[in-house]
Protein backbone atom coordinates (compact mmCIF):
# COMPACT_ATOMS: atom_id res chain seq x y z
CA MET A 1 25.81 2.71 -34.48
CA VAL A 2 24.77 1.62 -30.91
CA ASP A 3 21.48 2.96 -29.63
CA THR A 4 22.39 4.46 -26.12
CA HIS A 5 18.87 5.05 -25.36
CA MET A 6 17.97 1.26 -25.57
CA LYS A 7 16.87 -0.12 -22.28
CA PRO A 8 19.30 -2.48 -20.40
CA THR A 9 18.93 -6.03 -20.78
CA TYR A 10 19.28 -7.97 -17.44
CA ARG A 11 21.06 -11.13 -16.94
CA PRO A 12 19.88 -13.73 -14.28
CA THR A 13 22.84 -12.61 -11.89
CA TRP A 14 22.78 -10.42 -8.87
CA GLU A 15 25.46 -8.17 -10.27
CA SER A 16 23.41 -7.62 -13.25
CA LEU A 17 20.27 -6.71 -11.41
CA LYS A 18 22.13 -4.08 -9.69
CA GLN A 19 21.96 -1.81 -12.95
CA HIS A 20 18.15 -1.56 -12.18
CA THR A 21 17.10 1.97 -11.04
CA ILE A 22 13.75 3.06 -9.59
CA PRO A 23 11.62 4.34 -12.73
CA ASP A 24 10.68 8.13 -12.61
CA TRP A 25 6.71 7.19 -12.47
CA TYR A 26 7.14 5.83 -9.07
CA GLN A 27 9.36 8.60 -7.70
CA ASP A 28 6.69 10.95 -9.19
CA CYS A 29 3.22 9.80 -8.51
CA LYS A 30 3.65 9.33 -4.53
CA LEU A 31 0.18 7.94 -3.98
CA GLY A 32 -1.19 4.19 -4.68
CA ILE A 33 -4.15 2.26 -3.78
CA PHE A 34 -3.52 -1.31 -2.28
CA ILE A 35 -6.56 -3.60 -2.49
CA HIS A 36 -7.24 -6.75 -0.43
CA TRP A 37 -10.00 -8.66 -1.52
CA GLY A 38 -10.66 -12.35 -1.51
CA LEU A 39 -12.49 -15.15 0.25
CA TYR A 40 -11.78 -13.55 3.67
CA SER A 41 -14.01 -10.63 2.70
CA VAL A 42 -16.93 -13.23 3.11
CA PRO A 43 -16.69 -13.72 6.91
CA ALA A 44 -15.26 -10.07 6.91
CA PHE A 45 -14.37 -10.44 10.78
CA ALA A 46 -11.25 -9.66 13.11
CA PRO A 47 -11.28 -8.09 16.47
CA PRO A 48 -10.13 -4.36 15.98
CA THR A 49 -7.48 -4.27 18.56
CA VAL A 50 -4.13 -2.50 17.66
CA GLU A 51 -1.95 -1.45 14.64
CA LEU A 52 0.84 -3.82 13.70
CA GLY A 53 4.06 -3.20 15.40
CA VAL A 54 2.41 -2.11 18.76
CA VAL A 55 2.48 -5.77 20.16
CA ASN A 56 4.08 -8.97 19.23
CA ASN A 57 3.78 -12.66 19.26
CA GLU A 58 0.66 -14.55 20.68
CA GLU A 59 -0.77 -11.49 21.94
CA TRP A 60 -0.99 -10.19 18.29
CA PHE A 61 -2.11 -13.53 16.57
CA CYS A 62 -4.81 -14.64 18.70
CA ASN A 63 -6.28 -11.07 18.57
CA ASN A 64 -5.15 -10.37 14.86
CA PRO A 65 -6.98 -7.37 13.44
CA TYR A 66 -6.23 -8.25 10.02
CA ALA A 67 -9.33 -9.77 8.48
CA GLU A 68 -7.40 -11.22 5.60
CA TRP A 69 -5.69 -13.47 8.12
CA TYR A 70 -9.06 -15.16 9.07
CA PHE A 71 -7.83 -18.57 7.96
CA ASN A 72 -4.86 -18.57 10.54
CA SER A 73 -7.03 -16.73 13.13
CA VAL A 74 -9.60 -19.57 13.16
CA ASN A 75 -6.66 -22.30 12.85
CA ILE A 76 -4.84 -21.25 16.07
CA GLY A 77 -8.29 -22.47 17.87
CA ARG A 78 -8.55 -19.83 20.25
CA GLY A 79 -9.37 -16.10 20.29
CA PRO A 80 -12.08 -13.88 19.02
CA SER A 81 -11.96 -14.82 15.25
CA TYR A 82 -12.07 -18.61 16.33
CA GLU A 83 -15.15 -18.00 18.61
CA HIS A 84 -17.04 -15.84 15.66
CA HIS A 85 -16.45 -18.65 13.32
CA ILE A 86 -17.71 -21.47 15.57
CA GLU A 87 -20.82 -19.36 16.36
CA THR A 88 -21.60 -18.13 13.14
CA TYR A 89 -20.46 -21.20 10.79
CA GLY A 90 -19.93 -24.13 13.04
CA LYS A 91 -16.98 -26.11 13.96
CA ASP A 92 -17.00 -28.26 10.84
CA PHE A 93 -17.06 -25.38 8.19
CA PRO A 94 -13.95 -25.36 6.20
CA TYR A 95 -12.41 -22.33 4.98
CA GLU A 96 -12.52 -23.42 1.35
CA ASN A 97 -16.52 -23.17 1.54
CA PHE A 98 -16.29 -19.48 1.24
CA ALA A 99 -15.00 -20.05 -2.22
CA ASP A 100 -18.35 -20.82 -3.22
CA MET A 101 -19.97 -18.21 -1.22
CA TRP A 102 -18.19 -15.26 -2.99
CA LYS A 103 -19.82 -13.92 -5.75
CA ALA A 104 -18.64 -10.41 -6.34
CA GLU A 105 -21.70 -9.95 -8.18
CA LYS A 106 -21.53 -6.14 -7.96
CA PHE A 107 -17.92 -5.67 -8.98
CA ASP A 108 -17.58 -2.69 -11.25
CA PRO A 109 -13.83 -2.21 -12.08
CA ALA A 110 -14.72 1.05 -14.12
CA GLU A 111 -16.30 2.40 -11.07
CA TRP A 112 -13.20 1.22 -8.87
CA ALA A 113 -10.59 3.04 -11.17
CA THR A 114 -12.69 6.14 -11.37
CA LEU A 115 -12.70 6.45 -7.61
CA PHE A 116 -8.94 5.79 -7.37
CA LYS A 117 -8.23 8.50 -10.00
CA GLU A 118 -10.39 10.90 -8.06
CA ALA A 119 -8.48 10.08 -5.17
CA GLY A 120 -5.26 11.27 -6.64
CA ALA A 121 -3.55 7.80 -7.01
CA GLY A 122 -0.86 7.28 -9.62
CA TYR A 123 -0.84 3.38 -9.16
CA VAL A 124 -2.98 0.61 -7.74
CA VAL A 125 -1.83 -2.84 -6.30
CA LEU A 126 -4.19 -5.71 -6.33
CA VAL A 127 -3.87 -8.75 -4.25
CA THR A 128 -3.80 -11.61 -6.74
CA LYS A 129 -3.20 -14.40 -4.14
CA HIS A 130 -3.09 -14.04 -0.39
CA HIS A 131 -2.04 -16.41 2.27
CA ASP A 132 -5.03 -18.46 1.64
CA GLY A 133 -3.93 -19.64 -1.57
CA PHE A 134 -7.04 -18.46 -3.39
CA CYS A 135 -6.16 -16.83 -6.90
CA LEU A 136 -8.13 -13.70 -8.35
CA PHE A 137 -6.65 -14.84 -11.85
CA PRO A 138 -7.24 -18.04 -13.81
CA SER A 139 -4.15 -19.75 -13.01
CA LYS A 140 -3.05 -22.75 -15.09
CA TYR A 141 -1.24 -24.21 -12.10
CA THR A 142 -4.39 -24.63 -9.89
CA ASP A 143 -8.07 -25.06 -10.06
CA TYR A 144 -8.46 -22.88 -6.95
CA HIS A 145 -9.30 -19.44 -8.63
CA ALA A 146 -11.75 -16.93 -9.26
CA GLY A 147 -12.33 -17.99 -12.92
CA ASN A 148 -13.22 -21.44 -11.62
CA ARG A 149 -15.04 -20.86 -8.50
CA GLY A 150 -17.07 -17.92 -6.84
CA PRO A 151 -17.01 -14.79 -9.07
CA MET A 152 -16.14 -16.90 -12.17
CA ARG A 153 -14.07 -13.68 -13.56
CA ASP A 154 -10.69 -12.75 -14.16
CA LEU A 155 -10.76 -10.12 -11.47
CA VAL A 156 -7.14 -9.20 -12.09
CA GLY A 157 -7.32 -8.69 -15.83
CA GLU A 158 -10.65 -6.74 -15.53
CA LEU A 159 -9.10 -4.25 -13.04
CA SER A 160 -5.88 -3.99 -14.81
CA ASN A 161 -7.46 -2.91 -17.94
CA GLU A 162 -9.60 -0.17 -16.29
CA VAL A 163 -6.71 1.22 -14.08
CA ARG A 164 -4.62 1.56 -17.06
CA ASP A 165 -7.32 3.17 -19.21
CA LYS A 166 -7.76 5.82 -16.48
CA GLY A 167 -4.09 6.70 -16.92
CA MET A 168 -2.59 4.79 -13.67
CA LYS A 169 -0.04 2.24 -13.49
CA MET A 170 -1.01 -1.32 -12.45
CA GLY A 171 0.70 -3.42 -9.75
CA LEU A 172 0.16 -6.93 -8.27
CA TYR A 173 0.87 -8.33 -5.11
CA TYR A 174 1.52 -12.13 -4.52
CA SER A 175 2.14 -13.93 -1.20
CA GLY A 176 5.20 -15.63 -2.09
CA ILE A 177 6.45 -17.31 1.05
CA ILE A 178 3.10 -18.38 2.66
CA ASP A 179 0.25 -20.57 1.08
CA TRP A 180 -1.90 -22.27 3.74
CA ARG A 181 -2.90 -24.80 1.26
CA PHE A 182 0.72 -26.06 1.01
CA ALA A 183 1.28 -25.70 4.88
CA SER A 184 -1.25 -24.81 7.08
CA ASP A 185 0.38 -25.25 10.65
CA PRO A 186 -1.13 -22.45 12.88
CA ILE A 187 1.25 -19.23 13.34
CA PHE A 188 1.22 -18.00 16.84
CA THR A 189 4.40 -16.11 16.85
CA ASP A 190 6.65 -13.74 14.45
CA ASP A 191 9.21 -16.42 14.07
CA GLN A 192 6.56 -19.10 12.90
CA VAL A 193 5.54 -16.78 9.97
CA SER A 194 8.87 -18.00 8.17
CA LEU A 195 9.25 -21.39 10.16
CA ASN A 196 5.90 -22.60 9.46
CA CYS A 197 5.97 -21.89 5.65
CA SER A 198 6.12 -24.56 3.23
CA PRO A 199 9.68 -25.94 2.89
CA THR A 200 9.17 -27.89 -0.42
CA TYR A 201 10.69 -27.39 -3.86
CA GLU A 202 7.23 -28.12 -5.02
CA TYR A 203 5.72 -24.93 -3.46
CA ALA A 204 8.88 -22.90 -4.43
CA ASP A 205 8.29 -23.86 -8.06
CA TYR A 206 4.76 -23.39 -7.90
CA ALA A 207 5.34 -19.66 -6.39
CA TYR A 208 7.97 -19.12 -9.19
CA LYS A 209 5.75 -20.35 -12.08
CA GLN A 210 2.63 -18.33 -10.76
CA SER A 211 4.77 -15.27 -10.59
CA LEU A 212 6.07 -15.66 -14.15
CA GLU A 213 2.26 -16.30 -15.14
CA LEU A 214 1.39 -12.73 -13.57
CA ILE A 215 4.36 -11.03 -15.18
CA ASP A 216 3.87 -12.56 -18.73
CA ARG A 217 -0.05 -12.07 -18.80
CA TYR A 218 -0.47 -8.79 -17.07
CA HIS A 219 2.72 -6.85 -17.33
CA PRO A 220 2.65 -5.30 -13.67
CA SER A 221 4.34 -2.05 -13.25
CA LEU A 222 5.06 -3.07 -9.71
CA PHE A 223 5.58 -6.74 -8.34
CA TRP A 224 4.79 -6.49 -4.78
CA ASN A 225 5.69 -9.84 -2.90
CA ASP A 226 4.64 -10.34 0.47
CA ILE A 227 6.70 -11.32 3.69
CA GLY A 228 9.46 -13.28 1.89
CA TRP A 229 10.17 -15.65 -0.89
CA PRO A 230 10.30 -19.43 -0.62
CA PHE A 231 13.52 -20.49 0.82
CA ALA A 232 13.77 -23.55 -1.47
CA GLY A 233 13.54 -21.20 -4.55
CA GLU A 234 16.16 -18.55 -3.68
CA ARG A 235 18.46 -19.51 -6.20
CA ASN A 236 15.88 -18.97 -9.12
CA LEU A 237 15.21 -15.37 -8.03
CA PRO A 238 17.72 -13.69 -10.20
CA TYR A 239 16.13 -15.29 -13.14
CA LEU A 240 12.76 -14.34 -12.01
CA LEU A 241 13.68 -10.74 -11.43
CA ALA A 242 15.69 -10.47 -14.67
CA HIS A 243 12.79 -11.74 -16.50
CA TYR A 244 10.35 -9.21 -14.72
CA TYR A 245 12.88 -6.23 -15.56
CA ASN A 246 13.27 -7.25 -19.21
CA THR A 247 9.31 -7.92 -19.74
CA CYS A 248 8.21 -4.82 -17.91
CA GLU A 249 10.25 -1.94 -18.58
CA ASP A 250 8.80 0.48 -16.25
CA GLY A 251 8.78 -2.39 -13.35
CA LEU A 252 10.00 -2.29 -9.86
CA VAL A 253 9.83 -4.66 -6.58
CA ASN A 254 9.54 -4.21 -2.92
CA ASP A 255 12.04 -5.46 -0.25
CA ARG A 256 10.26 -8.76 0.70
CA PHE A 257 12.56 -11.14 -0.92
CA ASN A 258 14.37 -12.47 2.24
CA GLY A 259 16.78 -9.61 2.39
CA LEU A 260 18.35 -10.65 -1.13
CA TRP A 261 16.80 -7.91 -3.28
CA LYS A 262 14.90 -4.71 -3.32
CA ASP A 263 14.30 -1.56 -5.46
CA PHE A 264 12.45 0.19 -2.27
CA SER A 265 11.90 -0.56 1.40
CA THR A 266 8.50 -1.00 3.11
CA LYS A 267 6.86 -0.02 6.28
CA GLU A 268 3.76 -1.45 7.40
CA TYR A 269 1.65 0.46 10.19
CA GLN A 270 4.32 0.64 13.15
CA TYR A 271 6.27 -2.16 11.67
CA GLY A 272 9.68 -1.51 10.23
CA THR A 273 12.15 1.11 10.09
CA VAL A 274 12.66 3.50 7.18
CA THR A 275 15.41 6.28 6.58
CA LYS A 276 15.10 9.30 4.21
CA GLU A 277 18.18 8.09 2.41
CA GLU A 278 16.60 5.63 0.37
CA LYS A 279 12.97 5.09 -1.24
CA TRP A 280 10.46 3.40 0.72
CA GLU A 281 6.75 2.92 0.74
CA MET A 282 4.29 3.17 3.81
CA CYS A 283 1.58 0.70 3.43
CA ARG A 284 -1.49 0.34 5.77
CA GLY A 285 -5.38 0.05 5.84
CA LEU A 286 -7.75 3.02 6.12
CA GLY A 287 -8.59 1.14 9.49
CA LEU A 288 -6.77 -1.66 11.42
CA SER A 289 -7.18 -4.20 8.77
CA PHE A 290 -6.24 -4.69 5.09
CA GLY A 291 -9.23 -7.01 4.20
CA TYR A 292 -12.79 -5.69 4.83
CA ASN A 293 -13.74 -5.81 8.58
CA ALA A 294 -17.56 -5.44 9.25
CA VAL A 295 -16.72 -5.08 12.90
CA GLU A 296 -14.53 -1.84 12.35
CA GLY A 297 -16.58 1.39 13.25
CA ASP A 298 -15.90 5.13 12.19
CA GLU A 299 -13.58 5.44 15.22
CA HIS A 300 -11.09 2.83 13.84
CA ILE A 301 -10.85 4.48 10.30
CA LEU A 302 -8.43 7.41 9.53
CA SER A 303 -10.10 10.73 9.04
CA VAL A 304 -9.45 12.80 5.95
CA GLU A 305 -7.04 14.92 7.92
CA LYS A 306 -5.07 12.09 9.45
CA LEU A 307 -4.91 10.63 5.87
CA ILE A 308 -3.47 13.79 4.39
CA SER A 309 -0.98 13.89 7.31
CA LEU A 310 0.18 10.69 6.58
CA LEU A 311 0.63 11.45 3.07
CA VAL A 312 2.56 14.54 3.73
CA SER A 313 4.95 13.26 6.33
CA THR A 314 5.46 10.09 4.16
CA VAL A 315 6.34 12.12 0.90
CA ALA A 316 8.55 14.69 2.85
CA ASN A 317 10.54 11.85 4.07
CA ASN A 318 11.29 10.21 0.53
CA GLY A 319 8.25 7.81 0.91
CA ASN A 320 5.22 6.70 -1.01
CA LEU A 321 2.07 5.94 0.57
CA LEU A 322 0.26 2.76 -0.66
CA ILE A 323 -3.07 3.18 1.33
CA ASN A 324 -5.45 0.19 1.38
CA ILE A 325 -9.03 -0.36 0.78
CA GLY A 326 -10.78 -3.52 1.45
CA PRO A 327 -14.08 -3.94 -0.55
CA LYS A 328 -17.14 -6.12 0.46
CA ALA A 329 -17.58 -9.58 -0.79
CA ASP A 330 -20.02 -8.26 -3.35
CA GLY A 331 -17.31 -5.88 -5.02
CA THR A 332 -18.78 -2.58 -3.46
CA ILE A 333 -16.39 -0.29 -1.64
CA PRO A 334 -17.84 0.60 1.54
CA LYS A 335 -19.08 4.15 1.70
CA ILE A 336 -16.69 5.39 4.42
CA GLN A 337 -13.58 4.17 2.64
CA ALA A 338 -14.76 5.95 -0.61
CA GLU A 339 -15.36 9.02 1.24
CA LYS A 340 -11.96 9.16 2.89
CA LEU A 341 -10.47 8.69 -0.63
CA GLN A 342 -12.44 11.32 -2.05
CA GLY A 343 -11.49 13.64 0.89
CA LEU A 344 -7.86 13.02 0.08
CA GLY A 345 -8.26 13.71 -3.70
CA SER A 346 -9.98 17.13 -3.01
CA TRP A 347 -6.99 18.15 -0.89
CA LEU A 348 -4.51 17.08 -3.63
CA LYS A 349 -6.42 18.81 -6.32
CA ILE A 350 -5.65 21.94 -4.79
CA ASN A 351 -2.28 20.95 -3.10
CA GLY A 352 -0.76 18.46 -5.32
CA GLU A 353 1.86 20.39 -6.72
CA ALA A 354 3.69 20.20 -3.24
CA ILE A 355 3.35 16.44 -3.65
CA TYR A 356 3.47 15.01 -7.24
CA LYS A 357 6.84 15.02 -8.99
CA THR A 358 8.69 16.23 -5.95
CA ARG A 359 11.59 15.19 -4.29
CA CYS A 360 12.17 15.06 -0.42
CA SER A 361 14.35 18.32 0.65
CA GLU A 362 17.60 18.20 2.61
CA ARG A 363 15.79 20.12 5.08
CA ASN A 364 14.34 17.84 8.05
CA SER A 365 10.82 17.99 8.99
CA MET A 366 10.09 20.00 12.25
CA GLN A 367 7.53 19.39 15.26
CA LEU A 368 7.03 22.81 16.38
CA THR A 369 4.64 24.07 19.12
CA SER A 370 1.98 25.39 16.82
CA ALA A 371 2.36 22.98 13.76
CA ASP A 372 4.57 20.10 11.98
CA VAL A 373 6.39 21.65 9.14
CA HIS A 374 7.40 19.39 5.95
CA PHE A 375 9.42 20.17 2.90
CA THR A 376 9.49 19.01 -0.74
CA GLU A 377 11.21 20.65 -3.58
CA THR A 378 11.49 20.47 -7.24
CA ASN A 379 14.38 21.94 -9.40
CA ASP A 380 12.55 25.34 -9.47
CA ALA A 381 10.54 25.69 -6.07
CA LEU A 382 10.68 24.84 -2.55
CA TYR A 383 7.36 23.81 -0.98
CA LEU A 384 6.54 24.25 2.67
CA ILE A 385 3.79 22.22 4.25
CA LEU A 386 2.06 23.10 7.70
CA ASP A 387 0.29 20.23 9.38
CA ASN A 388 -1.50 19.72 12.49
CA LEU A 389 -2.62 23.25 12.79
CA LYS A 390 -5.39 23.85 15.42
CA ASP A 391 -8.72 25.42 14.68
CA GLY A 392 -8.83 29.19 14.56
CA THR A 393 -5.39 31.38 14.35
CA SER A 394 -1.89 30.00 14.64
CA SER A 395 1.43 31.55 14.09
CA VAL A 396 4.37 29.43 13.05
CA LEU A 397 8.08 30.39 13.42
CA ILE A 398 10.08 28.53 11.11
CA PRO A 399 13.99 28.93 11.40
CA SER A 400 16.55 28.93 8.64
CA VAL A 401 14.23 29.21 5.78
CA GLU A 402 14.18 31.84 3.12
CA GLY A 403 12.02 32.72 0.27
CA GLU A 404 8.53 34.49 -0.74
CA PHE A 405 6.23 31.84 0.22
CA GLN A 406 2.64 31.98 -1.00
CA PRO A 407 -0.23 29.50 -0.25
CA LEU A 408 -1.25 26.87 -2.86
CA ASP A 409 -4.96 27.22 -1.83
CA LYS A 410 -5.65 31.06 -2.58
CA LYS A 411 -8.62 30.77 -0.18
CA VAL A 412 -6.23 30.46 2.86
CA ASN A 413 -6.18 33.43 4.82
CA CYS A 414 -2.65 34.10 6.20
CA GLU A 415 0.06 36.39 6.62
CA VAL A 416 3.86 35.52 5.85
CA LYS A 417 6.72 37.64 7.02
CA LYS A 418 10.54 37.31 7.47
CA SER A 419 11.54 36.90 11.02
CA GLY A 420 15.46 36.68 11.94
CA ASP A 421 16.86 33.99 9.82
CA GLY A 422 13.67 32.42 8.93
CA ILE A 423 9.85 33.37 8.27
CA GLU A 424 6.71 33.52 10.47
CA ILE A 425 3.60 32.51 8.93
CA THR A 426 0.32 33.19 10.51
CA ILE A 427 -2.89 31.32 9.54
CA LEU A 428 -5.95 33.09 10.21
CA GLU A 429 -9.35 31.30 10.79
CA HIS A 430 -8.10 27.84 9.96
CA THR A 431 -10.31 24.75 9.91
CA ALA A 432 -8.12 21.72 11.21
CA ALA A 433 -10.42 19.31 9.42
CA ASN A 434 -9.32 20.71 6.05
CA GLY A 435 -5.92 19.49 6.66
CA ALA A 436 -2.56 20.58 5.82
CA VAL A 437 -1.66 23.97 4.24
CA ALA A 438 0.83 24.13 1.46
CA PHE A 439 3.11 27.01 0.51
CA LYS A 440 5.39 27.55 -2.50
CA ALA A 441 8.66 29.56 -2.73
CA VAL A 442 10.16 29.80 -6.41
CA LYS A 443 13.80 29.29 -6.19
C-alpha cells in the first residue's frame, strides 16, 4: 500500500519544484528575528540618512545608511563612511583587518535565543555570509571564516542549537550574487549591484557548494538568499532547491533568485511591492541599518508603538515581519534594541491571538479619521485591530462589520455597539504608547 502521507520527493526540475507549498509553521508564526552580525560590526559606522527606497543610485550608495555595506561605502572613495574610515583607521587599512579585531567575546547564544522567544518570534534568520565574504561558520571552501579568524567559533551552529532548544525555527541568510572577495568593483548605482558581481563559474560553484554545506550541516527551515543568484550558476538552481526541499522537510526560500523561483515575496523598508494575494515578508532594521551602527540614536529606532503597527499592518495584509537586530562586535545586543523586542513581546502576550495562526481577512484594512483598522481571522473567529489611536478617548465607526466584539486585553476600557450596518467602538482613556487594541468576535 502506498503511504499517501509521505513527503513529496522533488526532482531537479522547475516543474517538480512547483509542487512545493509554504509550510504551515511559516504561515502561523508571523514574526521572525533577522540578525546582521559580522566584520562590519567592528567599525559599526554609517550615516543615518533615509530608508531604502526613498532615494536611489549615487545619492543612496555614497550616503548608504547600511553599516553592513561598510566595505563598499569605503571602496567608492567618497562620502561619510569613506571619510570616517580614513580618519579612524587610515588610508592603508584594509577591510580584512577587521577579521582579527572581531572577537565576539561576550556572545551568549542562549541569552540571544531567550530574548527572541520573549519577543514572540517564531523563527530566526542569521546572516552566515554577507557581501564581504566573511563566513560565520567553518566552511571547508575558504579560510576566511569565524572558526579560523576572529571569534574562532562556529557562530551559526551555536545559535542554531539554542534557537531550536527554545522551540523556534532556524533560518540562514546567504549572500548569493555578491561577494567582494571575488569581485570588488565599487557599486554606485542600482544596476551595478548585478553588473559588478562576479561573472565567473568559479564563484558560482563556490556559492553553490557553500549553500549545500549550510543545508547539509545545519538543516535550515528557511534559506534566505540575498539580492540574487550568480548568473553563471542559474542552471544549477533546480538541483540546489530540490536538494534543499528533500533535505529540509519544513523548508522554504525567498524570492531573491533572479526571478526564477520563490516561495514568498520580500519587501525591504520602502523598496519593493507586495500584494495581499500572495505570501510576503517585510524585512527591515529597528533603525535605518541592518548591521550595528553606533551613530544611530534613539530618534532613528522604531518605537514599540511603531513596531507593533508594523507587525499588525503586515500580518493583516498576508505578510510576515522579519525584524532585524544588529549586535555589537562583542556579541551583546544593544539595550535599546532589546527593549523594543521585549515591548513587542509584552503586547503579543496579550494580543497574540489576533496575530498567530491567523490568516488575512477578505476585509481590507481601513484608514479612518480616528484610527487605522485591520482584520485577521481563523476558522472560528474574526479579529479587528485598531491602530494609531490617539491618547484619551476615541470613537471609531467601522462600516460593514458584524459580530459581538470583545477586547483581548481585559484592561481596555471601551464600549462596543451596533451602528447602521457596522459597529462603533469607543476607547476610553487610551494611552497611544501602549500600541494597537485587538478585538475578537466568534464566528
